[in-house]
Amino acid sequence: MSLEMVEIHSPEAWRETLSLIGKDHLLQSWQWGQFKSKYGWGTLHLAWKDAGGQTRAAAQLLFRTQVPGLTMGYCPRGPLLDWEQEDLVRQVLHDLARAGREEKAFFLKIDPALIPPDSDQTPFESIASTASTDVLAELARLGWRQSREQVQFKNTLIIDLRPSEEALLAAMKQKTRYNIRLATRKGVEVRQGSLVNLDLLYRMFAETSLRDGFAIRSPDYYRQAWGAFIDSGGAVPLIASVGEEPVAAIIVFRYGDIAYYLYGMSLELHRDKMPTYLLQWEAMRWAKEAGCRIYDMWGAPDRIEDSDPMYGVYKFKEGFGGCLVETPGAFDLPLRPWIYRIYTTGMPFVLSIMRWVGRASTRQSLD
């Protein structure tokens, strides 16, 4: 197979490119690349066309130079292509490696959503691509290795929004339906927020991170991550209140006909009134009304075992009737192996320090 790799230079042409191959993802969108460019990432939008001019594959590559001479490349939730066509896979991966070398990257990372061809995990081709063991073997043969560092979650839960609201409720676990109705009876109300709520949302998110033990970024990062998408209509904050007191919120992104639940936050106050259950239901209703056919709940444990730290989150999400999508995760291509080895050996230590510094900074932001 002989394909021409071309660079795309406008958001309109990029959106058309993705629509032509029938695969898409929020993290491969032009706007996501623009957002990341505010934090040191360069973007490269590539498409592959066959001799007849048909677009066969696409990849938004992000590059970031940590220190002079140390550039890393990342293709979030990509590249986008038919992974069962081995010749296509081979050329796209070869060209990605070439692009990485031209950018002087010491390694590339990809994390496409790949599932076995006989899997019944999901009926939605726009969420996941089939990949046989031959494809995974080809990745290994070309030098790609399973990554020690996952940027995105390997697995997720998705909900088909096409049935009626009554059918969606019927597909939920009984306890989930009960908690949704309990929240309503206990006076929880959900409203759509706006840009004026960014400070409130960050404060709630910061309190959640300190309570649950995960690190978050600076307030400015989230003002950009949330604000730019809210301002363009690509995201909506939903805020749950009891009386006049905000107690929980989520931010739902929309891209094409898929809604993504990326951020959630809650206070200790009134947790017994189950505001997070009503928030998810209202998010599903909002996404359905907006024309989305899929609600991606964004994240599930690597192993579905009760010993996994995310198992409780998984059970919460599963209660809404979600379908589990399991993937092999991220793959790295070392382009300068000795630097890559140093990086992967030292990165866990660096990340632990960054998390500690991040939590200290978050506490300070709340003082």
Protein backbone atom coordinates (compact mmCIF):
# COMPACT_ATOMS: atom_id res chain seq x y z
CA MET A 1 0.00 0.00 0.00
CA SER A 2 1.38 3.37 -1.04
CA LEU A 3 0.02 6.35 0.84
CA GLU A 4 0.88 10.04 0.79
CA MET A 5 1.28 11.69 4.17
CA VAL A 6 0.08 15.32 4.16
CA GLU A 7 -0.04 17.99 6.82
CA ILE A 8 -3.35 19.70 7.59
CA HIS A 9 -3.23 23.41 8.43
CA SER A 10 -6.77 24.51 9.30
CA PRO A 11 -9.42 23.37 11.81
CA GLU A 12 -12.04 23.07 9.06
CA ALA A 13 -9.85 20.79 6.95
CA TRP A 14 -8.94 18.75 10.02
CA ARG A 15 -12.56 18.21 11.00
CA GLU A 16 -13.34 17.14 7.43
CA THR A 17 -10.37 14.75 7.50
CA LEU A 18 -11.64 13.01 10.62
CA SER A 19 -15.17 12.77 9.26
CA LEU A 20 -13.87 11.11 6.07
CA ILE A 21 -12.21 8.24 7.94
CA GLY A 22 -15.23 7.75 10.21
CA LYS A 23 -13.25 7.84 13.45
CA ASP A 24 -12.92 10.69 15.88
CA HIS A 25 -12.07 11.59 19.46
CA LEU A 26 -12.09 14.73 21.58
CA LEU A 27 -8.33 14.41 22.22
CA GLN A 28 -7.72 14.32 18.47
CA SER A 29 -9.73 17.50 17.92
CA TRP A 30 -8.13 20.73 16.71
CA GLN A 31 -9.42 22.57 19.77
CA TRP A 32 -7.74 20.11 22.13
CA GLY A 33 -4.46 20.68 20.34
CA GLN A 34 -4.95 24.45 20.64
CA PHE A 35 -5.56 24.09 24.37
CA LYS A 36 -2.41 21.98 24.85
CA SER A 37 -0.38 24.50 22.83
CA LYS A 38 -0.90 27.01 25.65
CA TYR A 39 1.13 24.71 27.89
CA GLY A 40 4.21 24.10 25.83
CA TRP A 41 2.98 21.50 23.34
CA GLY A 42 3.49 21.89 19.61
CA THR A 43 0.93 20.31 17.30
CA LEU A 44 1.24 18.45 14.02
CA HIS A 45 -1.86 17.35 12.10
CA LEU A 46 -1.20 14.53 9.67
CA ALA A 47 -3.41 12.67 7.19
CA TRP A 48 -2.72 9.73 4.89
CA LYS A 49 -4.31 9.57 1.43
CA ASP A 50 -4.26 6.72 -1.07
CA ALA A 51 -3.64 7.00 -4.82
CA GLY A 52 -7.31 7.78 -5.40
CA GLY A 53 -7.24 10.67 -2.94
CA GLN A 54 -9.21 8.83 -0.25
CA THR A 55 -8.27 9.68 3.32
CA ARG A 56 -7.28 6.50 5.16
CA ALA A 57 -5.78 7.67 8.46
CA ALA A 58 -5.16 10.72 10.62
CA ALA A 59 -3.10 11.63 13.67
CA GLN A 60 -2.78 14.74 15.80
CA LEU A 61 0.74 14.59 17.21
CA LEU A 62 1.74 16.68 20.21
CA PHE A 63 5.39 17.49 20.87
CA ARG A 64 6.89 18.99 23.99
CA THR A 65 10.48 19.84 24.86
CA GLN A 66 11.03 19.22 28.57
CA VAL A 67 14.59 20.50 28.56
CA PRO A 68 16.75 21.47 25.57
CA GLY A 69 17.39 18.36 23.52
CA LEU A 70 14.70 16.27 25.20
CA THR A 71 11.49 16.31 23.17
CA MET A 72 8.68 13.81 23.59
CA GLY A 73 5.86 13.06 21.17
CA TYR A 74 2.34 11.97 22.02
CA CYS A 75 -0.66 11.00 19.90
CA PRO A 76 -3.57 10.99 22.38
CA ARG A 77 -6.25 8.42 21.54
CA GLY A 78 -4.71 7.94 18.12
CA PRO A 79 -3.71 7.46 15.44
CA LEU A 80 -7.16 7.08 13.88
CA LEU A 81 -7.34 4.35 11.23
CA ASP A 82 -8.61 0.87 10.49
CA TRP A 83 -6.20 -1.20 12.60
CA GLU A 84 -7.14 -4.44 10.86
CA GLN A 85 -5.41 -3.28 7.64
CA GLU A 86 -1.85 -4.31 8.39
CA ASP A 87 -0.24 -2.52 5.44
CA LEU A 88 -1.97 0.70 6.48
CA VAL A 89 -0.91 0.24 10.10
CA ARG A 90 2.67 -0.44 9.06
CA GLN A 91 2.99 2.70 6.92
CA VAL A 92 1.28 5.01 9.41
CA LEU A 93 3.52 3.81 12.26
CA HIS A 94 6.58 4.14 10.03
CA ASP A 95 5.63 7.70 9.10
CA LEU A 96 4.91 8.62 12.72
CA ALA A 97 8.40 7.46 13.65
CA ARG A 98 9.83 9.56 10.82
CA ALA A 99 7.87 12.61 12.01
CA GLY A 100 9.15 12.01 15.54
CA ARG A 101 12.74 11.90 14.36
CA GLU A 102 12.26 15.10 12.36
CA GLU A 103 11.02 16.77 15.56
CA LYS A 104 14.07 15.32 17.38
CA ALA A 105 11.86 13.41 19.83
CA PHE A 106 13.52 10.74 21.98
CA PHE A 107 10.30 8.72 22.09
CA LEU A 108 6.71 8.64 20.84
CA LYS A 109 3.63 7.52 22.75
CA ILE A 110 0.29 6.40 21.30
CA ASP A 111 -2.79 5.13 23.14
CA PRO A 112 -5.48 4.19 20.61
CA ALA A 113 -8.61 2.48 21.92
CA LEU A 114 -8.02 -1.04 20.59
CA ILE A 115 -10.21 -4.06 21.33
CA PRO A 116 -10.15 -7.64 20.01
CA PRO A 117 -12.16 -8.13 16.79
CA ASP A 118 -14.48 -10.67 18.42
CA SER A 119 -15.10 -8.50 21.48
CA ASP A 120 -18.64 -7.69 22.54
CA GLN A 121 -17.42 -4.85 24.77
CA THR A 122 -18.86 -2.10 22.61
CA PRO A 123 -20.94 -1.73 19.45
CA PHE A 124 -19.53 1.72 18.73
CA GLU A 125 -16.76 1.87 16.15
CA SER A 126 -16.14 5.57 16.81
CA ILE A 127 -15.14 4.74 20.41
CA ALA A 128 -12.89 1.74 19.78
CA SER A 129 -11.09 0.10 16.86
CA THR A 130 -10.72 -3.63 16.45
CA ALA A 131 -7.19 -4.98 16.61
CA SER A 132 -6.21 -8.62 16.33
CA THR A 133 -3.22 -10.18 18.06
CA ASP A 134 -1.46 -9.82 14.69
CA VAL A 135 -1.74 -6.04 15.00
CA LEU A 136 -0.29 -6.09 18.51
CA ALA A 137 2.51 -8.34 17.26
CA GLU A 138 3.18 -5.88 14.43
CA LEU A 139 3.50 -3.06 16.95
CA ALA A 140 6.10 -5.08 18.81
CA ARG A 141 7.91 -5.99 15.61
CA LEU A 142 8.18 -2.31 14.67
CA GLY A 143 9.72 -1.47 18.04
CA TRP A 144 6.68 -0.25 19.97
CA ARG A 145 6.52 -1.52 23.55
CA GLN A 146 3.82 -1.49 26.20
CA SER A 147 4.24 1.75 28.11
CA ARG A 148 4.89 1.90 31.83
CA GLU A 149 3.24 5.31 31.91
CA GLN A 150 -0.44 5.65 31.03
CA VAL A 151 -1.51 9.22 30.29
CA GLN A 152 -5.16 8.34 29.66
CA PHE A 153 -7.09 5.56 31.33
CA LYS A 154 -6.68 2.21 29.58
CA ASN A 155 -10.34 1.38 30.06
CA THR A 156 -13.62 3.24 30.13
CA LEU A 157 -17.36 2.77 30.43
CA ILE A 158 -19.74 4.02 27.77
CA ILE A 159 -23.51 4.37 27.62
CA ASP A 160 -25.70 4.18 24.53
CA LEU A 161 -27.91 7.29 24.71
CA ARG A 162 -30.18 6.35 21.83
CA PRO A 163 -32.87 4.57 23.90
CA SER A 164 -35.61 6.58 25.63
CA GLU A 165 -35.04 8.08 29.07
CA GLU A 166 -37.31 5.40 30.51
CA ALA A 167 -35.17 2.69 28.89
CA LEU A 168 -31.95 4.31 30.13
CA LEU A 169 -33.28 4.33 33.68
CA ALA A 170 -34.45 0.72 33.36
CA ALA A 171 -30.92 -0.33 32.29
CA MET A 172 -29.40 1.08 35.50
CA LYS A 173 -28.80 -0.85 38.67
CA GLN A 174 -31.69 -0.62 41.12
CA LYS A 175 -29.54 1.18 43.71
CA THR A 176 -28.51 3.79 41.14
CA ARG A 177 -32.11 4.53 40.20
CA TYR A 178 -33.00 4.74 43.89
CA ASN A 179 -30.18 7.23 44.59
CA ILE A 180 -31.18 9.43 41.66
CA ARG A 181 -34.72 9.65 43.01
CA LEU A 182 -33.45 10.06 46.58
CA ALA A 183 -31.41 13.10 45.55
CA THR A 184 -34.51 14.70 44.06
CA ARG A 185 -36.60 13.95 47.16
CA LYS A 186 -33.87 15.38 49.41
CA GLY A 187 -33.94 18.70 47.58
CA VAL A 188 -30.87 18.40 45.33
CA GLU A 189 -31.21 20.60 42.26
CA VAL A 190 -28.94 20.62 39.19
CA ARG A 191 -28.36 23.68 37.03
CA GLN A 192 -26.11 24.52 34.12
CA GLY A 193 -23.16 26.68 35.05
CA SER A 194 -21.14 29.13 32.99
CA LEU A 195 -17.79 30.91 32.87
CA VAL A 196 -18.67 32.87 36.01
CA ASN A 197 -18.50 29.61 37.97
CA LEU A 198 -14.88 28.74 37.12
CA ASP A 199 -13.49 29.78 40.50
CA LEU A 200 -16.19 27.82 42.32
CA LEU A 201 -15.53 24.76 40.18
CA TYR A 202 -11.79 24.90 40.79
CA ARG A 203 -12.22 25.26 44.54
CA MET A 204 -14.52 22.25 44.64
CA PHE A 205 -12.11 20.28 42.44
CA ALA A 206 -9.18 21.21 44.68
CA GLU A 207 -11.04 20.07 47.80
CA THR A 208 -11.93 16.81 46.06
CA SER A 209 -8.30 16.18 45.09
CA LEU A 210 -7.06 16.70 48.64
CA ARG A 211 -9.76 14.46 50.08
CA ASP A 212 -9.29 11.65 47.55
CA GLY A 213 -5.49 11.90 47.29
CA PHE A 214 -4.86 12.80 43.66
CA ALA A 215 -2.79 15.68 42.30
CA ILE A 216 -4.20 18.43 40.12
CA ARG A 217 -2.74 21.30 38.13
CA SER A 218 -2.77 25.05 38.67
CA PRO A 219 -5.99 27.10 38.63
CA ASP A 220 -4.91 28.69 35.34
CA TYR A 221 -4.69 25.28 33.65
CA TYR A 222 -8.30 24.46 34.48
CA ARG A 223 -9.53 27.93 33.57
CA GLN A 224 -8.16 27.16 30.12
CA ALA A 225 -9.17 23.48 30.03
CA TRP A 226 -12.71 24.27 31.11
CA GLY A 227 -13.16 27.89 30.10
CA ALA A 228 -12.18 27.67 26.43
CA PHE A 229 -14.50 24.72 25.83
CA ILE A 230 -17.37 26.20 27.84
CA ASP A 231 -17.02 29.47 25.94
CA SER A 232 -17.14 27.69 22.56
CA GLY A 233 -20.09 25.49 23.52
CA GLY A 234 -17.91 22.38 23.62
CA ALA A 235 -18.44 21.75 27.33
CA VAL A 236 -21.00 22.45 30.02
CA PRO A 237 -20.61 22.52 33.82
CA LEU A 238 -23.50 21.04 35.77
CA ILE A 239 -23.71 22.15 39.40
CA ALA A 240 -25.72 20.39 42.10
CA SER A 241 -26.97 22.47 44.99
CA VAL A 242 -28.94 21.92 48.17
CA GLY A 243 -30.81 25.10 48.82
CA GLU A 244 -28.37 27.83 47.82
CA GLU A 245 -25.28 25.76 48.64
CA PRO A 246 -23.30 24.17 45.75
CA VAL A 247 -22.24 20.68 46.85
CA ALA A 248 -21.03 18.89 43.70
CA ALA A 249 -20.39 19.47 40.00
CA ILE A 250 -19.25 17.78 36.82
CA ILE A 251 -17.96 19.13 33.53
CA VAL A 252 -19.15 17.32 30.43
CA PHE A 253 -17.42 17.83 27.07
CA ARG A 254 -19.13 17.28 23.74
CA TYR A 255 -17.39 16.49 20.47
CA GLY A 256 -19.37 15.27 17.50
CA ASP A 257 -22.02 12.91 18.80
CA ILE A 258 -20.04 11.81 21.86
CA ALA A 259 -20.24 13.36 25.34
CA TYR A 260 -17.30 12.88 27.70
CA TYR A 261 -17.45 13.07 31.49
CA LEU A 262 -13.92 14.35 32.16
CA TYR A 263 -14.09 16.14 35.52
CA GLY A 264 -16.09 15.58 38.68
CA MET A 265 -15.93 17.30 42.04
CA SER A 266 -17.86 17.20 45.31
CA LEU A 267 -17.80 18.47 48.88
CA GLU A 268 -18.34 16.50 52.06
CA LEU A 269 -21.42 18.62 52.68
CA HIS A 270 -24.69 16.80 51.93
CA ARG A 271 -23.02 13.73 50.44
CA ASP A 272 -25.77 11.64 52.04
CA LYS A 273 -28.24 13.29 49.65
CA MET A 274 -26.52 11.59 46.67
CA PRO A 275 -25.93 14.69 44.49
CA THR A 276 -23.37 12.90 42.29
CA TYR A 277 -26.01 10.39 41.12
CA LEU A 278 -28.41 13.10 40.03
CA LEU A 279 -25.56 14.95 38.32
CA GLN A 280 -24.72 11.96 36.14
CA TRP A 281 -28.35 11.44 35.18
CA GLU A 282 -28.78 15.11 34.27
CA ALA A 283 -25.53 14.94 32.26
CA MET A 284 -26.88 11.98 30.31
CA ARG A 285 -30.15 13.84 29.69
CA TRP A 286 -28.27 16.96 28.58
CA ALA A 287 -26.05 14.95 26.21
CA LYS A 288 -29.04 13.11 24.75
CA GLU A 289 -30.92 16.37 24.16
CA ALA A 290 -27.78 17.83 22.53
CA GLY A 291 -27.84 15.01 19.96
CA CYS A 292 -25.11 12.80 21.42
CA ARG A 293 -25.49 9.05 20.97
CA ILE A 294 -22.69 8.03 23.35
CA TYR A 295 -21.84 9.07 26.92
CA ASP A 296 -18.23 8.20 27.74
CA MET A 297 -17.74 8.00 31.52
CA TRP A 298 -13.96 8.35 31.08
CA GLY A 299 -12.05 5.90 33.13
CA ALA A 300 -12.25 2.42 34.63
CA PRO A 301 -9.72 0.32 36.59
CA ASP A 302 -6.88 -1.43 34.79
CA ARG A 303 -8.10 -4.63 36.48
CA ILE A 304 -11.71 -5.17 37.46
CA GLU A 305 -10.85 -6.34 40.95
CA ASP A 306 -12.01 -5.00 44.29
CA SER A 307 -8.37 -4.48 45.29
CA ASP A 308 -7.93 -1.85 42.55
CA PRO A 309 -7.99 1.73 43.93
CA MET A 310 -10.53 2.70 41.25
CA TYR A 311 -12.89 -0.19 41.92
CA GLY A 312 -15.34 1.98 43.88
CA VAL A 313 -15.44 4.50 41.03
CA TYR A 314 -16.02 1.65 38.61
CA LYS A 315 -18.98 0.31 40.61
CA PHE A 316 -20.49 3.81 40.74
CA LYS A 317 -20.20 4.21 36.96
CA GLU A 318 -21.30 0.66 36.24
CA GLY A 319 -24.53 1.37 38.07
CA PHE A 320 -25.62 3.69 35.27
CA GLY A 321 -25.71 0.81 32.79
CA GLY A 322 -22.35 1.44 31.16
CA CYS A 323 -20.59 -0.97 28.82
CA LEU A 324 -16.97 -1.69 29.76
CA VAL A 325 -14.35 -1.04 27.07
CA GLU A 326 -10.97 -2.63 27.86
CA THR A 327 -7.89 -1.80 25.78
CA PRO A 328 -4.20 -2.79 25.89
CA GLY A 329 -3.27 0.78 26.84
CA ALA A 330 -0.40 2.96 25.67
CA PHE A 331 2.62 2.02 23.54
CA ASP A 332 5.98 3.78 23.38
CA LEU A 333 8.47 3.89 20.52
CA PRO A 334 11.99 4.71 21.81
CA LEU A 335 13.74 6.79 19.15
CA ARG A 336 16.83 7.41 21.30
CA PRO A 337 16.85 4.28 23.46
CA TRP A 338 19.45 5.25 26.03
CA ILE A 339 17.66 8.54 26.83
CA TYR A 340 14.35 6.68 26.92
CA ARG A 341 15.75 4.18 29.44
CA ILE A 342 16.94 6.99 31.71
CA TYR A 343 13.57 8.72 31.34
CA THR A 344 11.47 5.66 32.17
CA THR A 345 13.70 4.72 35.10
CA GLY A 346 13.61 8.17 36.67
CA MET A 347 10.09 9.24 35.75
CA PRO A 348 8.25 7.46 38.63
CA PHE A 349 10.44 9.32 41.14
CA VAL A 350 9.95 12.63 39.32
CA LEU A 351 6.19 12.12 39.18
CA SER A 352 6.00 11.36 42.89
CA ILE A 353 7.79 14.65 43.64
CA MET A 354 5.54 16.52 41.21
CA ARG A 355 2.45 15.06 42.90
CA TRP A 356 3.73 16.10 46.32
CA VAL A 357 4.49 19.62 45.08
CA GLY A 358 1.10 19.71 43.33
CA ARG A 359 -0.82 18.77 46.48
CA ALA A 360 1.10 21.38 48.49
CA SER A 361 0.29 24.01 45.86
CA THR A 362 -3.37 22.98 45.85
CA ARG A 363 -3.57 23.36 49.64
CA GLN A 364 -1.99 26.79 49.35
CA SER A 365 -4.51 27.85 46.68
CA LEU A 366 -7.35 27.10 49.12
CA ASP A 367 -5.87 29.13 52.00
